[in-house]
Every structure is written in structure tokens, then in C-alpha cells.
Amino acid sequence: MLTIVEQDQDCPLKTKRLVVGQVTICRGCCCGNVERGLPEVPVEWLKSEWRKRGLLKRVQLTISGCVGPCDVPNVVAITSSSGTEWLGNIVKFDQYRSLLEWAARCRDAGEMLALPREFHECRISPFSLNASKSTGSCRPDFDRTQ
């Protein structure tokens, strides 16, 4: 069984670069693959804006290969000490802009804030029903929508 470790107690390795959260943007086999008729992922714009706004040191942006599930286009995983929130079907540029603005608010607050309401319908759970039953919810604490 996988267990969550307390940062100071159970982790022998330490990092000087502590973040409030991480946004992982899938850019694997399906997500953003416009040649296959799937919606674009504005990777270069995201990286540029994340840098311009100085977000990287507090809200890490990771452009990743496939994170699954591949039957839902444009997957985003948002991770914090509370858990991971999975979003899918992020297909509009305005949705990426909203994620960027939300990340800036999280940086300013020093914590992961509730996701904007517009992402409520984008939530997915890539894990089996038994896994989500063990926590009673598919959402980590920071996903109480505004």
C-alpha cells in the first residue's frame, strides 16, 4: 500500500525549493495532438507566461509525456500536499489562461486555492472506484470550488 509521508518526519532527502503545488500538463501521445484532430495544448505560451509571472518557484509547471487517461483529451494534474486533482477536456485557450491566473493567485496566497468554478465539469478520477471510496472523495482539500 502507498502511504503519504510527512515531509519532515519520513523524508531523509530535503529540498531547498519547496512549492505550494505543481501543475502537470499532459503533452503525450494524445493530448494536444492536433495532427490526430485533438485540441491544441498551448505549451510554449504556458511556459513563457509561467516564467514572466515568476510562478515557477511557488507553483511548479511541468509539461509531461502521457499521464493518462488517454480517452479524455488534454489532461491536467494539479498536485499539492493535499493530494492530486485531475482535470480533462481542457480544450479552450481561456481555460489555460484561467489556470494561469489561478496559479498566480495561489502563489500570492502561499497556498493552493480552490479551483475556479469553470473546472468543476472538467474533474476526472483516473483511479478505480475502490481507490476513491477509501478517501470518501475524488477531490483534495484545495478543490472546494469558489
N, C-alpha and C. Protein backbone atom coordinates (compact mmCIF):
# COMPACT_ATOMS: atom_id res chain seq x y z
N MET A 1 0.83 -1.17 0.00
CA MET A 1 0.00 0.00 0.00
C MET A 1 0.88 1.24 0.00
N LEU A 2 0.49 2.23 -0.80
CA LEU A 2 1.19 3.50 -0.88
C LEU A 2 0.77 4.37 0.30
N THR A 3 1.74 4.99 0.96
CA THR A 3 1.41 5.87 2.08
C THR A 3 1.95 7.26 1.81
N ILE A 4 1.25 8.25 2.33
CA ILE A 4 1.69 9.62 2.22
C ILE A 4 2.67 9.86 3.36
N VAL A 5 3.82 10.43 3.05
CA VAL A 5 4.83 10.67 4.07
C VAL A 5 4.79 12.12 4.52
N GLU A 6 5.04 12.31 5.79
CA GLU A 6 5.17 13.66 6.32
C GLU A 6 6.53 14.18 5.91
N GLN A 7 6.58 15.38 5.39
CA GLN A 7 7.79 15.91 4.79
C GLN A 7 8.99 15.89 5.74
N ASP A 8 8.83 16.37 6.94
CA ASP A 8 9.98 16.47 7.84
C ASP A 8 10.28 15.17 8.56
N GLN A 9 9.27 14.33 8.79
CA GLN A 9 9.47 13.13 9.59
C GLN A 9 10.01 11.95 8.79
N ASP A 10 9.43 11.69 7.62
CA ASP A 10 9.72 10.45 6.92
C ASP A 10 10.60 10.61 5.68
N CYS A 11 11.01 11.81 5.37
CA CYS A 11 11.78 12.03 4.15
C CYS A 11 13.22 12.36 4.47
N PRO A 12 14.13 11.42 4.23
CA PRO A 12 15.53 11.68 4.54
C PRO A 12 16.16 12.74 3.62
N LEU A 13 15.64 12.88 2.41
CA LEU A 13 16.17 13.89 1.49
C LEU A 13 15.39 15.18 1.67
N LYS A 14 16.08 16.28 1.62
CA LYS A 14 15.45 17.60 1.77
C LYS A 14 15.69 18.41 0.51
N THR A 15 14.81 19.33 0.24
CA THR A 15 14.98 20.24 -0.87
C THR A 15 14.86 21.67 -0.36
N LYS A 16 15.62 22.55 -0.96
CA LYS A 16 15.54 23.96 -0.60
C LYS A 16 14.39 24.64 -1.32
N ARG A 17 13.89 24.00 -2.37
CA ARG A 17 12.87 24.61 -3.22
C ARG A 17 11.50 23.99 -2.93
N LEU A 18 10.84 24.49 -1.92
CA LEU A 18 9.52 24.00 -1.57
C LEU A 18 8.47 24.80 -2.33
N VAL A 19 7.51 24.12 -2.87
CA VAL A 19 6.46 24.77 -3.65
C VAL A 19 5.12 24.54 -2.96
N VAL A 20 4.13 25.35 -3.30
CA VAL A 20 2.79 25.13 -2.75
C VAL A 20 2.05 24.09 -3.58
N GLY A 21 2.45 23.93 -4.83
CA GLY A 21 1.81 22.94 -5.67
C GLY A 21 2.49 22.80 -7.02
N GLN A 22 1.97 21.87 -7.79
CA GLN A 22 2.53 21.58 -9.11
C GLN A 22 1.39 21.36 -10.09
N VAL A 23 1.51 21.97 -11.25
CA VAL A 23 0.54 21.79 -12.33
C VAL A 23 1.25 21.00 -13.42
N THR A 24 0.76 19.81 -13.70
CA THR A 24 1.33 18.96 -14.73
C THR A 24 0.40 18.95 -15.93
N ILE A 25 0.94 19.38 -17.05
CA ILE A 25 0.18 19.46 -18.30
C ILE A 25 0.60 18.28 -19.17
N CYS A 26 -0.35 17.46 -19.54
CA CYS A 26 -0.06 16.32 -20.40
C CYS A 26 0.15 16.80 -21.83
N ARG A 27 1.21 16.34 -22.42
CA ARG A 27 1.51 16.60 -23.84
C ARG A 27 2.10 15.31 -24.41
N GLY A 28 1.36 14.23 -24.17
CA GLY A 28 1.86 12.92 -24.56
C GLY A 28 1.34 12.48 -25.91
N CYS A 29 0.95 11.23 -25.98
CA CYS A 29 0.55 10.64 -27.26
C CYS A 29 -0.74 11.22 -27.81
N CYS A 30 -1.64 11.66 -26.95
CA CYS A 30 -2.94 12.15 -27.41
C CYS A 30 -3.13 13.64 -27.14
N CYS A 31 -2.86 14.06 -25.94
CA CYS A 31 -3.14 15.45 -25.54
C CYS A 31 -2.38 16.43 -26.42
N GLY A 32 -3.12 17.35 -27.02
CA GLY A 32 -2.51 18.36 -27.87
C GLY A 32 -2.10 17.89 -29.24
N ASN A 33 -2.44 16.67 -29.58
CA ASN A 33 -2.03 16.11 -30.87
C ASN A 33 -3.00 16.57 -31.96
N VAL A 34 -2.75 17.77 -32.48
CA VAL A 34 -3.65 18.35 -33.48
C VAL A 34 -3.64 17.56 -34.79
N GLU A 35 -2.54 16.85 -35.10
CA GLU A 35 -2.49 16.04 -36.31
C GLU A 35 -3.53 14.92 -36.27
N ARG A 36 -3.93 14.53 -35.06
CA ARG A 36 -4.94 13.48 -34.90
C ARG A 36 -6.32 14.08 -34.65
N GLY A 37 -6.43 15.39 -34.84
CA GLY A 37 -7.72 16.06 -34.67
C GLY A 37 -8.07 16.41 -33.25
N LEU A 38 -7.08 16.36 -32.35
CA LEU A 38 -7.33 16.69 -30.95
C LEU A 38 -6.97 18.14 -30.68
N PRO A 39 -7.57 18.74 -29.65
CA PRO A 39 -7.32 20.15 -29.36
C PRO A 39 -5.87 20.43 -28.97
N GLU A 40 -5.41 21.61 -29.32
CA GLU A 40 -4.03 22.03 -29.03
C GLU A 40 -3.83 22.27 -27.53
N VAL A 41 -2.62 22.03 -27.08
CA VAL A 41 -2.17 22.44 -25.75
C VAL A 41 -1.15 23.56 -25.98
N PRO A 42 -1.41 24.77 -25.47
CA PRO A 42 -0.52 25.90 -25.74
C PRO A 42 0.74 25.86 -24.87
N VAL A 43 1.58 24.88 -25.11
CA VAL A 43 2.75 24.62 -24.27
C VAL A 43 3.69 25.82 -24.21
N GLU A 44 4.09 26.35 -25.34
CA GLU A 44 5.07 27.46 -25.32
C GLU A 44 4.50 28.69 -24.63
N TRP A 45 3.23 28.98 -24.87
CA TRP A 45 2.59 30.11 -24.20
C TRP A 45 2.57 29.90 -22.69
N LEU A 46 2.19 28.69 -22.24
CA LEU A 46 2.16 28.40 -20.81
C LEU A 46 3.55 28.58 -20.18
N LYS A 47 4.56 28.00 -20.81
CA LYS A 47 5.91 28.11 -20.26
C LYS A 47 6.37 29.56 -20.19
N SER A 48 6.11 30.31 -21.24
CA SER A 48 6.51 31.72 -21.28
C SER A 48 5.79 32.53 -20.21
N GLU A 49 4.49 32.37 -20.10
CA GLU A 49 3.71 33.13 -19.12
C GLU A 49 4.05 32.74 -17.69
N TRP A 50 4.28 31.45 -17.47
CA TRP A 50 4.64 30.97 -16.13
C TRP A 50 5.95 31.65 -15.69
N ARG A 51 6.91 31.73 -16.62
CA ARG A 51 8.19 32.39 -16.32
C ARG A 51 8.00 33.90 -16.11
N LYS A 52 7.28 34.56 -17.04
CA LYS A 52 7.07 36.01 -16.95
C LYS A 52 6.47 36.41 -15.61
N ARG A 53 5.56 35.59 -15.12
CA ARG A 53 4.86 35.91 -13.89
C ARG A 53 5.59 35.42 -12.64
N GLY A 54 6.72 34.78 -12.82
CA GLY A 54 7.51 34.32 -11.68
C GLY A 54 6.81 33.24 -10.85
N LEU A 55 6.13 32.34 -11.52
CA LEU A 55 5.36 31.32 -10.81
C LEU A 55 6.17 30.07 -10.48
N LEU A 56 7.22 29.80 -11.23
CA LEU A 56 7.90 28.50 -11.15
C LEU A 56 8.40 28.14 -9.76
N LYS A 57 8.82 29.12 -8.98
CA LYS A 57 9.39 28.81 -7.66
C LYS A 57 8.33 28.50 -6.61
N ARG A 58 7.07 28.80 -6.90
CA ARG A 58 6.00 28.54 -5.92
C ARG A 58 4.95 27.56 -6.44
N VAL A 59 4.62 27.65 -7.73
CA VAL A 59 3.68 26.72 -8.35
C VAL A 59 4.40 26.16 -9.57
N GLN A 60 4.93 24.97 -9.41
CA GLN A 60 5.75 24.35 -10.45
C GLN A 60 4.90 23.98 -11.65
N LEU A 61 5.39 24.28 -12.84
CA LEU A 61 4.74 23.86 -14.08
C LEU A 61 5.58 22.74 -14.68
N THR A 62 4.93 21.63 -14.98
CA THR A 62 5.60 20.51 -15.63
C THR A 62 4.84 20.16 -16.90
N ILE A 63 5.55 20.17 -18.02
CA ILE A 63 4.98 19.69 -19.27
C ILE A 63 5.46 18.24 -19.39
N SER A 64 4.52 17.32 -19.43
CA SER A 64 4.86 15.91 -19.29
C SER A 64 4.48 15.13 -20.54
N GLY A 65 5.09 13.97 -20.63
CA GLY A 65 4.60 12.99 -21.59
C GLY A 65 3.27 12.48 -21.07
N CYS A 66 2.80 11.40 -21.59
CA CYS A 66 1.47 10.89 -21.26
C CYS A 66 1.30 10.66 -19.75
N VAL A 67 0.26 11.25 -19.19
CA VAL A 67 -0.10 10.99 -17.80
C VAL A 67 -1.40 10.18 -17.72
N GLY A 68 -2.04 9.94 -18.90
CA GLY A 68 -3.30 9.21 -18.94
C GLY A 68 -4.39 10.04 -18.29
N PRO A 69 -5.58 9.64 -18.31
CA PRO A 69 -6.17 8.62 -19.17
C PRO A 69 -6.32 9.13 -20.60
N CYS A 70 -6.02 8.28 -21.54
CA CYS A 70 -5.96 8.71 -22.95
C CYS A 70 -7.31 8.84 -23.64
N ASP A 71 -8.38 8.45 -22.98
CA ASP A 71 -9.69 8.62 -23.61
C ASP A 71 -10.28 10.00 -23.33
N VAL A 72 -9.59 10.81 -22.56
CA VAL A 72 -10.01 12.18 -22.26
C VAL A 72 -8.91 13.11 -22.78
N PRO A 73 -9.26 14.06 -23.66
CA PRO A 73 -8.21 14.93 -24.20
C PRO A 73 -7.74 15.98 -23.20
N ASN A 74 -6.48 16.36 -23.34
CA ASN A 74 -5.87 17.48 -22.63
C ASN A 74 -6.06 17.39 -21.12
N VAL A 75 -5.31 16.47 -20.54
CA VAL A 75 -5.37 16.19 -19.10
C VAL A 75 -4.39 17.10 -18.36
N VAL A 76 -4.84 17.56 -17.19
CA VAL A 76 -4.02 18.37 -16.30
C VAL A 76 -4.11 17.74 -14.91
N ALA A 77 -2.98 17.54 -14.27
CA ALA A 77 -2.96 17.04 -12.89
C ALA A 77 -2.40 18.15 -12.01
N ILE A 78 -3.13 18.48 -10.97
CA ILE A 78 -2.72 19.53 -10.04
C ILE A 78 -2.44 18.86 -8.70
N THR A 79 -1.21 19.00 -8.23
CA THR A 79 -0.77 18.29 -7.04
C THR A 79 -0.34 19.26 -5.96
N SER A 80 -0.73 18.94 -4.74
CA SER A 80 -0.27 19.69 -3.57
C SER A 80 -0.11 18.69 -2.43
N SER A 81 0.22 19.19 -1.26
CA SER A 81 0.35 18.29 -0.11
C SER A 81 -0.99 17.65 0.24
N SER A 82 -2.10 18.20 -0.27
CA SER A 82 -3.44 17.64 -0.01
C SER A 82 -3.80 16.49 -0.93
N GLY A 83 -3.10 16.36 -2.04
CA GLY A 83 -3.43 15.30 -2.99
C GLY A 83 -3.34 15.80 -4.41
N THR A 84 -3.96 15.07 -5.31
CA THR A 84 -3.92 15.42 -6.73
C THR A 84 -5.34 15.55 -7.27
N GLU A 85 -5.58 16.63 -7.96
CA GLU A 85 -6.84 16.86 -8.65
C GLU A 85 -6.57 16.66 -10.14
N TRP A 86 -7.40 15.87 -10.79
CA TRP A 86 -7.24 15.57 -12.21
C TRP A 86 -8.32 16.30 -12.99
N LEU A 87 -7.91 16.96 -14.05
CA LEU A 87 -8.83 17.64 -14.96
C LEU A 87 -8.63 17.07 -16.35
N GLY A 88 -9.68 17.05 -17.12
CA GLY A 88 -9.60 16.62 -18.50
C GLY A 88 -10.47 17.49 -19.37
N ASN A 89 -10.30 17.35 -20.67
CA ASN A 89 -11.07 18.11 -21.64
C ASN A 89 -10.81 19.62 -21.51
N ILE A 90 -9.56 19.96 -21.25
CA ILE A 90 -9.15 21.37 -21.19
C ILE A 90 -8.82 21.73 -22.64
N VAL A 91 -9.82 22.23 -23.35
CA VAL A 91 -9.70 22.37 -24.80
C VAL A 91 -9.74 23.81 -25.29
N LYS A 92 -10.05 24.76 -24.42
CA LYS A 92 -10.14 26.16 -24.82
C LYS A 92 -8.96 26.95 -24.27
N PHE A 93 -8.46 27.87 -25.07
CA PHE A 93 -7.35 28.71 -24.62
C PHE A 93 -7.71 29.44 -23.34
N ASP A 94 -8.95 29.90 -23.21
CA ASP A 94 -9.37 30.60 -22.00
C ASP A 94 -9.26 29.74 -20.75
N GLN A 95 -9.40 28.43 -20.89
CA GLN A 95 -9.23 27.54 -19.75
C GLN A 95 -7.77 27.54 -19.29
N TYR A 96 -6.84 27.53 -20.23
CA TYR A 96 -5.42 27.60 -19.86
C TYR A 96 -5.09 28.96 -19.23
N ARG A 97 -5.69 30.02 -19.77
CA ARG A 97 -5.49 31.35 -19.19
C ARG A 97 -6.03 31.38 -17.75
N SER A 98 -7.17 30.76 -17.53
CA SER A 98 -7.76 30.71 -16.20
C SER A 98 -6.87 29.92 -15.23
N LEU A 99 -6.29 28.81 -15.71
CA LEU A 99 -5.34 28.05 -14.87
C LEU A 99 -4.14 28.91 -14.50
N LEU A 100 -3.63 29.68 -15.44
CA LEU A 100 -2.50 30.56 -15.19
C LEU A 100 -2.86 31.61 -14.14
N GLU A 101 -4.00 32.25 -14.29
CA GLU A 101 -4.43 33.27 -13.33
C GLU A 101 -4.64 32.66 -11.94
N TRP A 102 -5.22 31.47 -11.90
CA TRP A 102 -5.42 30.77 -10.64
C TRP A 102 -4.07 30.45 -9.98
N ALA A 103 -3.10 30.00 -10.78
CA ALA A 103 -1.78 29.69 -10.24
C ALA A 103 -1.13 30.95 -9.66
N ALA A 104 -1.33 32.09 -10.29
CA ALA A 104 -0.78 33.35 -9.77
C ALA A 104 -1.44 33.69 -8.43
N ARG A 105 -2.73 33.46 -8.31
CA ARG A 105 -3.41 33.71 -7.03
C ARG A 105 -2.90 32.76 -5.95
N CYS A 106 -2.63 31.51 -6.33
CA CYS A 106 -2.08 30.54 -5.38
C CYS A 106 -0.70 30.97 -4.90
N ARG A 107 0.12 31.42 -5.84
CA ARG A 107 1.45 31.92 -5.47
C ARG A 107 1.32 33.07 -4.48
N ASP A 108 0.45 34.02 -4.77
CA ASP A 108 0.28 35.19 -3.90
C ASP A 108 -0.25 34.81 -2.53
N ALA A 109 -1.12 33.81 -2.48
CA ALA A 109 -1.70 33.36 -1.21
C ALA A 109 -0.76 32.46 -0.43
N GLY A 110 0.23 31.87 -1.12
CA GLY A 110 1.14 30.94 -0.45
C GLY A 110 0.53 29.58 -0.18
N GLU A 111 -0.57 29.29 -0.88
CA GLU A 111 -1.23 28.00 -0.72
C GLU A 111 -2.08 27.73 -1.96
N MET A 112 -2.45 26.47 -2.12
CA MET A 112 -3.32 26.11 -3.22
C MET A 112 -4.74 26.53 -2.87
N LEU A 113 -5.33 27.34 -3.72
CA LEU A 113 -6.68 27.83 -3.53
C LEU A 113 -7.67 26.96 -4.28
N ALA A 114 -8.94 27.17 -4.01
CA ALA A 114 -9.98 26.44 -4.74
C ALA A 114 -9.87 26.74 -6.23
N LEU A 115 -10.05 25.72 -7.03
CA LEU A 115 -10.06 25.90 -8.47
C LEU A 115 -11.27 26.74 -8.86
N PRO A 116 -11.15 27.53 -9.92
CA PRO A 116 -12.31 28.27 -10.41
C PRO A 116 -13.45 27.32 -10.76
N ARG A 117 -14.66 27.80 -10.58
CA ARG A 117 -15.87 27.00 -10.81
C ARG A 117 -15.93 26.39 -12.20
N GLU A 118 -15.35 27.07 -13.18
CA GLU A 118 -15.42 26.58 -14.56
C GLU A 118 -14.78 25.20 -14.73
N PHE A 119 -13.93 24.79 -13.78
CA PHE A 119 -13.26 23.49 -13.89
C PHE A 119 -14.04 22.37 -13.21
N HIS A 120 -15.14 22.69 -12.59
CA HIS A 120 -15.95 21.68 -11.90
C HIS A 120 -16.34 20.55 -12.84
N GLU A 121 -16.76 20.89 -14.05
CA GLU A 121 -17.19 19.88 -15.02
C GLU A 121 -16.02 19.18 -15.70
N CYS A 122 -14.81 19.61 -15.43
CA CYS A 122 -13.62 19.02 -16.06
C CYS A 122 -12.95 17.98 -15.15
N ARG A 123 -13.43 17.83 -13.94
CA ARG A 123 -12.79 16.90 -13.00
C ARG A 123 -12.97 15.46 -13.46
N ILE A 124 -11.90 14.70 -13.31
CA ILE A 124 -11.96 13.27 -13.62
C ILE A 124 -11.23 12.52 -12.52
N SER A 125 -11.51 11.24 -12.41
CA SER A 125 -10.77 10.39 -11.49
C SER A 125 -10.25 9.20 -12.29
N PRO A 126 -8.93 9.15 -12.50
CA PRO A 126 -8.38 8.06 -13.31
C PRO A 126 -8.18 6.76 -12.53
N PHE A 127 -8.64 6.74 -11.28
CA PHE A 127 -8.41 5.57 -10.44
C PHE A 127 -9.69 4.76 -10.27
N SER A 128 -9.54 3.52 -9.86
CA SER A 128 -10.70 2.64 -9.70
C SER A 128 -11.62 3.16 -8.61
N LEU A 129 -12.85 2.74 -8.66
CA LEU A 129 -13.86 3.16 -7.69
C LEU A 129 -13.42 2.84 -6.27
N ASN A 130 -12.78 1.70 -6.05
CA ASN A 130 -12.34 1.31 -4.71
C ASN A 130 -11.34 2.30 -4.15
N ALA A 131 -10.46 2.84 -5.01
CA ALA A 131 -9.46 3.80 -4.52
C ALA A 131 -10.13 5.09 -4.07
N SER A 132 -11.13 5.57 -4.82
CA SER A 132 -11.78 6.83 -4.42
C SER A 132 -12.68 6.63 -3.21
N LYS A 133 -13.21 5.42 -3.00
CA LYS A 133 -14.04 5.17 -1.82
C LYS A 133 -13.23 5.26 -0.55
N SER A 134 -11.95 4.93 -0.61
CA SER A 134 -11.14 4.92 0.61
C SER A 134 -10.97 6.31 1.19
N THR A 135 -11.03 7.34 0.37
CA THR A 135 -10.88 8.70 0.88
C THR A 135 -12.23 9.39 1.04
N GLY A 136 -13.27 8.82 0.49
CA GLY A 136 -14.58 9.42 0.57
C GLY A 136 -14.81 10.51 -0.46
N SER A 137 -13.79 10.87 -1.22
CA SER A 137 -13.93 11.94 -2.20
C SER A 137 -12.87 11.79 -3.26
N CYS A 138 -13.17 12.25 -4.46
CA CYS A 138 -12.17 12.23 -5.52
C CYS A 138 -11.39 13.53 -5.54
N ARG A 139 -11.69 14.44 -4.61
CA ARG A 139 -11.08 15.76 -4.65
C ARG A 139 -10.23 16.02 -3.42
N PRO A 140 -9.03 16.58 -3.60
CA PRO A 140 -8.24 17.00 -2.46
C PRO A 140 -8.82 18.27 -1.84
N ASP A 141 -8.32 18.66 -0.69
CA ASP A 141 -8.85 19.80 0.05
C ASP A 141 -8.89 21.09 -0.75
N PHE A 142 -7.93 21.32 -1.66
CA PHE A 142 -7.89 22.61 -2.34
C PHE A 142 -8.93 22.74 -3.43
N ASP A 143 -9.78 21.72 -3.62
CA ASP A 143 -10.75 21.80 -4.70
C ASP A 143 -12.15 22.18 -4.24
N ARG A 144 -12.29 22.79 -3.13
CA ARG A 144 -13.62 23.30 -2.78
C ARG A 144 -13.85 24.49 -3.68
N THR A 145 -14.73 24.32 -4.66
CA THR A 145 -14.89 25.35 -5.70
C THR A 145 -15.42 26.65 -5.12
N GLN A 146 -14.98 27.74 -5.76
CA GLN A 146 -15.35 29.07 -5.30
C GLN A 146 -16.78 29.38 -5.61
